[in-house]
PDB file of N, CA and C in Angstrom:
ATOM      1  N   UNK A   1     -72.484  77.518-197.003  1.00  0.00           N
ATOM      2  CA  UNK A   1     -72.926  77.650-195.760  1.00  0.00           C
ATOM      3  C   UNK A   1     -72.909  76.271-194.821  1.00  0.00           C
ATOM      4  N   UNK A   2     -72.114  76.257-193.671  1.00  0.00           N
ATOM      5  CA  UNK A   2     -71.896  75.085-192.808  1.00  0.00           C
ATOM      6  C   UNK A   2     -73.120  74.985-191.812  1.00  0.00           C
ATOM      7  N   UNK A   3     -73.805  73.823-191.960  1.00  0.00           N
ATOM      8  CA  UNK A   3     -75.039  73.832-190.937  1.00  0.00           C
ATOM      9  C   UNK A   3     -74.483  73.974-189.411  1.00  0.00           C
ATOM     10  N   UNK A   4     -75.230  74.155-188.522  1.00  0.00           N
ATOM     11  CA  UNK A   4     -75.047  74.430-187.112  1.00  0.00           C
ATOM     12  C   UNK A   4     -75.065  73.057-186.442  1.00  0.00           C
ATOM     13  N   UNK A   5     -74.084  72.658-185.708  1.00  0.00           N
ATOM     14  CA  UNK A   5     -74.207  71.390-185.123  1.00  0.00           C
ATOM     15  C   UNK A   5     -75.049  71.394-183.910  1.00  0.00           C
ATOM     16  N   UNK A   6     -75.636  70.261-183.690  1.00  0.00           N
ATOM     17  CA  UNK A   6     -76.514  70.269-182.463  1.00  0.00           C
ATOM     18  C   UNK A   6     -75.572  70.074-181.211  1.00  0.00           C
ATOM     19  N   UNK A   7     -75.619  70.904-180.215  1.00  0.00           N
ATOM     20  CA  UNK A   7     -74.651  70.851-179.258  1.00  0.00           C
ATOM     21  C   UNK A   7     -75.693  70.812-177.896  1.00  0.00           C
ATOM     22  N   UNK A   8     -75.258  70.127-176.819  1.00  0.00           N
ATOM     23  CA  UNK A   8     -76.098  69.996-175.507  1.00  0.00           C
ATOM     24  C   UNK A   8     -75.980  71.291-174.915  1.00  0.00           C
ATOM     25  N   UNK A   9     -76.853  71.610-173.941  1.00  0.00           N
ATOM     26  CA  UNK A   9     -76.746  72.892-173.289  1.00  0.00           C
ATOM     27  C   UNK A   9     -75.354  73.197-172.546  1.00  0.00           C
ATOM     28  N   UNK A  10     -74.771  71.880-171.875  1.00  0.00           N
ATOM     29  CA  UNK A  10     -73.568  71.960-171.262  1.00  0.00           C
ATOM     30  C   UNK A  10     -72.499  72.343-172.275  1.00  0.00           C
ATOM     31  N   UNK A  11     -72.396  71.691-173.511  1.00  0.00           N
ATOM     32  CA  UNK A  11     -71.445  72.001-174.335  1.00  0.00           C
ATOM     33  C   UNK A  11     -71.659  73.452-174.907  1.00  0.00           C
ATOM     34  N   UNK A  12     -72.757  74.188-175.109  1.00  0.00           N
ATOM     35  CA  UNK A  12     -72.967  75.588-175.254  1.00  0.00           C
ATOM     36  C   UNK A  12     -72.422  76.261-174.161  1.00  0.00           C
ATOM     37  N   UNK A  13     -72.626  75.817-172.904  1.00  0.00           N
ATOM     38  CA  UNK A  13     -72.180  76.880-171.921  1.00  0.00           C
ATOM     39  C   UNK A  13     -70.570  76.747-172.111  1.00  0.00           C
ATOM     40  N   UNK A  14     -69.972  75.620-172.152  1.00  0.00           N
ATOM     41  CA  UNK A  14     -68.390  75.469-172.221  1.00  0.00           C
ATOM     42  C   UNK A  14     -68.023  76.303-173.440  1.00  0.00           C
ATOM     43  N   UNK A  15     -68.730  76.081-174.649  1.00  0.00           N
ATOM     44  CA  UNK A  15     -68.206  76.831-175.931  1.00  0.00           C
ATOM     45  C   UNK A  15     -68.352  78.340-175.637  1.00  0.00           C
ATOM     46  N   UNK A  16     -69.376  78.838-174.902  1.00  0.00           N
ATOM     47  CA  UNK A  16     -69.343  80.322-174.640  1.00  0.00           C
ATOM     48  C   UNK A  16     -68.262  80.719-173.819  1.00  0.00           C
ATOM     49  N   UNK A  17     -67.896  79.879-173.037  1.00  0.00           N
ATOM     50  CA  UNK A  17     -66.715  80.174-172.126  1.00  0.00           C
ATOM     51  C   UNK A  17     -65.274  80.014-172.599  1.00  0.00           C
ATOM     52  N   UNK A  18     -65.287  79.069-173.777  1.00  0.00           N
ATOM     53  CA  UNK A  18     -64.186  79.215-174.535  1.00  0.00           C
ATOM     54  C   UNK A  18     -63.822  80.305-175.285  1.00  0.00           C
ATOM     55  N   UNK A  19     -65.073  80.816-175.849  1.00  0.00           N
ATOM     56  CA  UNK A  19     -64.987  82.023-176.842  1.00  0.00           C
ATOM     57  C   UNK A  19     -64.556  83.314-175.964  1.00  0.00           C
ATOM     58  N   UNK A  20     -64.867  83.143-174.674  1.00  0.00           N
ATOM     59  CA  UNK A  20     -64.366  84.211-173.925  1.00  0.00           C
ATOM     60  C   UNK A  20     -62.813  84.276-173.515  1.00  0.00           C
ATOM     61  N   UNK A  21     -62.328  82.957-173.794  1.00  0.00           N
ATOM     62  CA  UNK A  21     -60.798  82.956-173.646  1.00  0.00           C
ATOM     63  C   UNK A  21     -60.707  82.141-172.484  1.00  0.00           C
ATOM     64  N   UNK A  22     -61.498  81.465-171.838  1.00  0.00           N
ATOM     65  CA  UNK A  22     -61.152  80.675-170.803  1.00  0.00           C
ATOM     66  C   UNK A  22     -60.568  79.406-170.940  1.00  0.00           C
ATOM     67  N   UNK A  23     -59.717  78.975-170.107  1.00  0.00           N
ATOM     68  CA  UNK A  23     -59.138  77.446-170.356  1.00  0.00           C
ATOM     69  C   UNK A  23     -59.889  76.549-169.321  1.00  0.00           C
ATOM     70  N   UNK A  24     -59.596  75.257-169.332  1.00  0.00           N
ATOM     71  CA  UNK A  24     -60.219  74.192-168.566  1.00  0.00           C
ATOM     72  C   UNK A  24     -60.604  74.540-167.092  1.00  0.00           C
ATOM     73  N   UNK A  25     -59.476  75.186-166.434  1.00  0.00           N
ATOM     74  CA  UNK A  25     -59.752  75.189-165.080  1.00  0.00           C
ATOM     75  C   UNK A  25     -60.723  76.456-164.512  1.00  0.00           C
ATOM     76  N   UNK A  26     -60.597  77.517-165.274  1.00  0.00           N
ATOM     77  CA  UNK A  26     -61.591  78.575-165.056  1.00  0.00           C
ATOM     78  C   UNK A  26     -63.034  78.210-165.546  1.00  0.00           C
ATOM     79  N   UNK A  27     -63.152  77.384-166.677  1.00  0.00           N
ATOM     80  CA  UNK A  27     -64.298  76.934-167.003  1.00  0.00           C
ATOM     81  C   UNK A  27     -65.090  76.107-166.069  1.00  0.00           C
ATOM     82  N   UNK A  28     -64.178  75.149-165.368  1.00  0.00           N
ATOM     83  CA  UNK A  28     -64.724  74.238-164.267  1.00  0.00           C
ATOM     84  C   UNK A  28     -65.181  75.120-163.253  1.00  0.00           C
ATOM     85  N   UNK A  29     -64.546  76.018-162.769  1.00  0.00           N
ATOM     86  CA  UNK A  29     -64.889  77.075-161.659  1.00  0.00           C
ATOM     87  C   UNK A  29     -66.195  77.661-162.003  1.00  0.00           C
ATOM     88  N   UNK A  30     -66.152  78.185-163.232  1.00  0.00           N
ATOM     89  CA  UNK A  30     -67.423  78.966-163.568  1.00  0.00           C
ATOM     90  C   UNK A  30     -68.693  78.242-163.533  1.00  0.00           C
ATOM     91  N   UNK A  31     -68.417  76.977-164.056  1.00  0.00           N
ATOM     92  CA  UNK A  31     -69.655  75.976-163.952  1.00  0.00           C
ATOM     93  C   UNK A  31     -69.820  75.007-162.805  1.00  0.00           C
ATOM     94  N   UNK A  32     -68.925  75.295-161.702  1.00  0.00           N
ATOM     95  CA  UNK A  32     -68.879  74.544-160.459  1.00  0.00           C
ATOM     96  C   UNK A  32     -68.840  73.003-160.684  1.00  0.00           C
ATOM     97  N   UNK A  33     -67.789  72.660-161.689  1.00  0.00           N
ATOM     98  CA  UNK A  33     -67.635  71.206-161.768  1.00  0.00           C
ATOM     99  C   UNK A  33     -66.141  70.879-161.691  1.00  0.00           C
ATOM    100  N   UNK A  34     -65.581  69.644-161.781  1.00  0.00           N
ATOM    101  CA  UNK A  34     -64.341  69.353-161.832  1.00  0.00           C
ATOM    102  C   UNK A  34     -63.568  69.642-163.130  1.00  0.00           C
ATOM    103  N   UNK A  35     -62.340  69.972-163.091  1.00  0.00           N
ATOM    104  CA  UNK A  35     -61.691  70.441-164.349  1.00  0.00           C
ATOM    105  C   UNK A  35     -61.717  69.110-165.429  1.00  0.00           C
ATOM    106  N   UNK A  36     -61.546  67.957-164.894  1.00  0.00           N
ATOM    107  CA  UNK A  36     -61.382  66.755-165.904  1.00  0.00           C
ATOM    108  C   UNK A  36     -62.803  66.681-166.385  1.00  0.00           C
ATOM    109  N   UNK A  37     -63.969  66.952-165.923  1.00  0.00           N
ATOM    110  CA  UNK A  37     -65.114  66.965-166.470  1.00  0.00           C
ATOM    111  C   UNK A  37     -65.376  68.010-167.554  1.00  0.00           C
ATOM    112  N   UNK A  38     -64.637  68.961-167.901  1.00  0.00           N
ATOM    113  CA  UNK A  38     -64.610  69.939-169.015  1.00  0.00           C
ATOM    114  C   UNK A  38     -64.226  69.144-170.073  1.00  0.00           C
ATOM    115  N   UNK A  39     -63.207  68.118-170.036  1.00  0.00           N
ATOM    116  CA  UNK A  39     -62.519  67.895-171.206  1.00  0.00           C
ATOM    117  C   UNK A  39     -63.449  67.176-172.205  1.00  0.00           C
ATOM    118  N   UNK A  40     -64.423  66.432-171.696  1.00  0.00           N
ATOM    119  CA  UNK A  40     -65.432  65.777-172.602  1.00  0.00           C
ATOM    120  C   UNK A  40     -66.361  66.786-173.386  1.00  0.00           C
ATOM    121  N   UNK A  41     -66.908  67.846-172.922  1.00  0.00           N
ATOM    122  CA  UNK A  41     -67.587  68.595-173.782  1.00  0.00           C
ATOM    123  C   UNK A  41     -66.672  69.340-174.941  1.00  0.00           C
ATOM    124  N   UNK A  42     -65.365  69.733-174.431  1.00  0.00           N
ATOM    125  CA  UNK A  42     -64.440  70.408-175.134  1.00  0.00           C
ATOM    126  C   UNK A  42     -64.208  69.438-176.416  1.00  0.00           C
ATOM    127  N   UNK A  43     -63.977  68.192-176.125  1.00  0.00           N
ATOM    128  CA  UNK A  43     -63.728  67.246-177.236  1.00  0.00           C
ATOM    129  C   UNK A  43     -64.945  67.069-178.232  1.00  0.00           C
ATOM    130  N   UNK A  44     -65.927  67.168-177.575  1.00  0.00           N
ATOM    131  CA  UNK A  44     -67.265  66.940-178.350  1.00  0.00           C
ATOM    132  C   UNK A  44     -67.561  68.149-179.279  1.00  0.00           C
ATOM    133  N   UNK A  45     -67.261  69.356-178.579  1.00  0.00           N
ATOM    134  CA  UNK A  45     -67.449  70.647-179.504  1.00  0.00           C
ATOM    135  C   UNK A  45     -66.461  70.706-180.547  1.00  0.00           C
ATOM    136  N   UNK A  46     -65.131  70.167-180.454  1.00  0.00           N
ATOM    137  CA  UNK A  46     -64.193  70.393-181.450  1.00  0.00           C
ATOM    138  C   UNK A  46     -64.562  69.254-182.540  1.00  0.00           C
ATOM    139  N   UNK A  47     -65.129  68.222-182.097  1.00  0.00           N
ATOM    140  CA  UNK A  47     -65.606  67.085-183.149  1.00  0.00           C
ATOM    141  C   UNK A  47     -66.572  67.549-183.921  1.00  0.00           C
ATOM    142  N   UNK A  48     -67.864  68.329-183.443  1.00  0.00           N
ATOM    143  CA  UNK A  48     -69.027  68.647-184.034  1.00  0.00           C
ATOM    144  C   UNK A  48     -68.779  69.877-184.762  1.00  0.00           C
ATOM    145  N   UNK A  49     -67.850  70.690-184.460  1.00  0.00           N
ATOM    146  CA  UNK A  49     -67.499  71.850-185.257  1.00  0.00           C
ATOM    147  C   UNK A  49     -66.487  71.508-186.358  1.00  0.00           C
ATOM    148  N   UNK A  50     -65.817  70.132-186.319  1.00  0.00           N
ATOM    149  CA  UNK A  50     -64.821  69.879-187.295  1.00  0.00           C
ATOM    150  C   UNK A  50     -63.689  70.686-187.278  1.00  0.00           C
ATOM    151  N   UNK A  51     -63.316  70.878-186.125  1.00  0.00           N
ATOM    152  CA  UNK A  51     -62.075  72.017-185.951  1.00  0.00           C
ATOM    153  C   UNK A  51     -61.109  71.048-184.985  1.00  0.00           C
ATOM    154  N   UNK A  52     -59.785  71.559-185.034  1.00  0.00           N
ATOM    155  CA  UNK A  52     -58.782  71.010-184.188  1.00  0.00           C
ATOM    156  C   UNK A  52     -58.422  71.580-182.817  1.00  0.00           C
ATOM    157  N   UNK A  53     -58.814  72.975-182.603  1.00  0.00           N
ATOM    158  CA  UNK A  53     -58.253  73.532-181.523  1.00  0.00           C
ATOM    159  C   UNK A  53     -59.464  74.646-180.989  1.00  0.00           C
ATOM    160  N   UNK A  54     -59.010  75.072-179.845  1.00  0.00           N
ATOM    161  CA  UNK A  54     -60.125  76.113-179.281  1.00  0.00           C
ATOM    162  C   UNK A  54     -60.185  77.493-180.154  1.00  0.00           C
ATOM    163  N   UNK A  55     -59.017  77.812-180.711  1.00  0.00           N
ATOM    164  CA  UNK A  55     -59.113  78.925-181.639  1.00  0.00           C
ATOM    165  C   UNK A  55     -60.000  78.737-182.868  1.00  0.00           C
ATOM    166  N   UNK A  56     -59.857  77.570-183.516  1.00  0.00           N
ATOM    167  CA  UNK A  56     -60.773  77.434-184.507  1.00  0.00           C
ATOM    168  C   UNK A  56     -62.244  77.075-184.059  1.00  0.00           C
ATOM    169  N   UNK A  57     -62.321  76.517-183.040  1.00  0.00           N
ATOM    170  CA  UNK A  57     -63.805  76.434-182.343  1.00  0.00           C
ATOM    171  C   UNK A  57     -64.338  77.775-182.204  1.00  0.00           C
ATOM    172  N   UNK A  58     -63.638  78.735-181.700  1.00  0.00           N
ATOM    173  CA  UNK A  58     -64.064  80.201-181.346  1.00  0.00           C
ATOM    174  C   UNK A  58     -64.546  80.706-182.691  1.00  0.00           C
ATOM    175  N   UNK A  59     -63.531  80.760-183.686  1.00  0.00           N
ATOM    176  CA  UNK A  59     -63.986  81.374-185.091  1.00  0.00           C
ATOM    177  C   UNK A  59     -65.089  80.709-185.741  1.00  0.00           C
ATOM    178  N   UNK A  60     -65.227  79.373-185.584  1.00  0.00           N
ATOM    179  CA  UNK A  60     -66.451  78.549-186.263  1.00  0.00           C
ATOM    180  C   UNK A  60     -67.530  78.913-185.496  1.00  0.00           C
ATOM    181  N   UNK A  61     -67.563  78.993-184.366  1.00  0.00           N
ATOM    182  CA  UNK A  61     -68.944  79.415-183.528  1.00  0.00           C
ATOM    183  C   UNK A  61     -69.420  80.686-183.854  1.00  0.00           C
ATOM    184  N   UNK A  62     -68.406  81.629-184.041  1.00  0.00           N
ATOM    185  CA  UNK A  62     -68.738  83.093-184.130  1.00  0.00           C
ATOM    186  C   UNK A  62     -69.483  83.191-185.667  1.00  0.00           C
ATOM    187  N   UNK A  63     -68.581  82.531-186.400  1.00  0.00           N
ATOM    188  CA  UNK A  63     -68.925  82.498-187.940  1.00  0.00           C
ATOM    189  C   UNK A  63     -70.489  82.015-188.375  1.00  0.00           C
ATOM    190  N   UNK A  64     -70.497  80.986-187.531  1.00  0.00           N
ATOM    191  CA  UNK A  64     -71.765  80.286-187.742  1.00  0.00           C
ATOM    192  C   UNK A  64     -72.877  80.514-186.906  1.00  0.00           C
ATOM    193  N   UNK A  65     -72.812  81.665-186.196  1.00  0.00           N
ATOM    194  CA  UNK A  65     -73.682  82.250-185.363  1.00  0.00           C
ATOM    195  C   UNK A  65     -74.245  81.483-184.160  1.00  0.00           C
ATOM    196  N   UNK A  66     -73.264  80.433-183.766  1.00  0.00           N
ATOM    197  CA  UNK A  66     -73.582  79.575-182.633  1.00  0.00           C
ATOM    198  C   UNK A  66     -73.380  80.462-181.288  1.00  0.00           C
ATOM    199  N   UNK A  67     -72.481  81.309-181.223  1.00  0.00           N
ATOM    200  CA  UNK A  67     -72.267  82.393-180.158  1.00  0.00           C
ATOM    201  C   UNK A  67     -71.965  83.622-180.559  1.00  0.00           C
ATOM    202  N   UNK A  68     -72.459  84.480-179.778  1.00  0.00           N
ATOM    203  CA  UNK A  68     -72.378  85.839-180.160  1.00  0.00           C
ATOM    204  C   UNK A  68     -71.246  86.567-179.169  1.00  0.00           C
ATOM    205  N   UNK A  69     -70.462  87.571-179.867  1.00  0.00           N
ATOM    206  CA  UNK A  69     -69.503  88.253-178.788  1.00  0.00           C
ATOM    207  C   UNK A  69     -70.309  89.277-178.211  1.00  0.00           C
ATOM    208  N   UNK A  70     -70.098  89.466-176.915  1.00  0.00           N
ATOM    209  CA  UNK A  70     -70.727  90.638-176.280  1.00  0.00           C
ATOM    210  C   UNK A  70     -69.723  91.692-175.857  1.00  0.00           C
ATOM    211  N   UNK A  71     -69.976  92.976-176.190  1.00  0.00           N
ATOM    212  CA  UNK A  71     -69.034  93.982-176.199  1.00  0.00           C
ATOM    213  C   UNK A  71     -69.519  94.830-174.962  1.00  0.00           C
TER     214      UNK A  71
END
């Protein structure tokens, strides 16, 4: 069992949008921030989850119960 990392509120918002399949530009639009501002939370998310890319982050977040898929 892998522990859940402590993610900021902004990182959780970004992670939820990553799980929905959004790239940086649509994430920035959804959060009303600049695209380059999205890069720091993404980098933090990858590091805290111990993964290398968005696909792995999505899988890890779902498996660890950090985010839930809405159908």
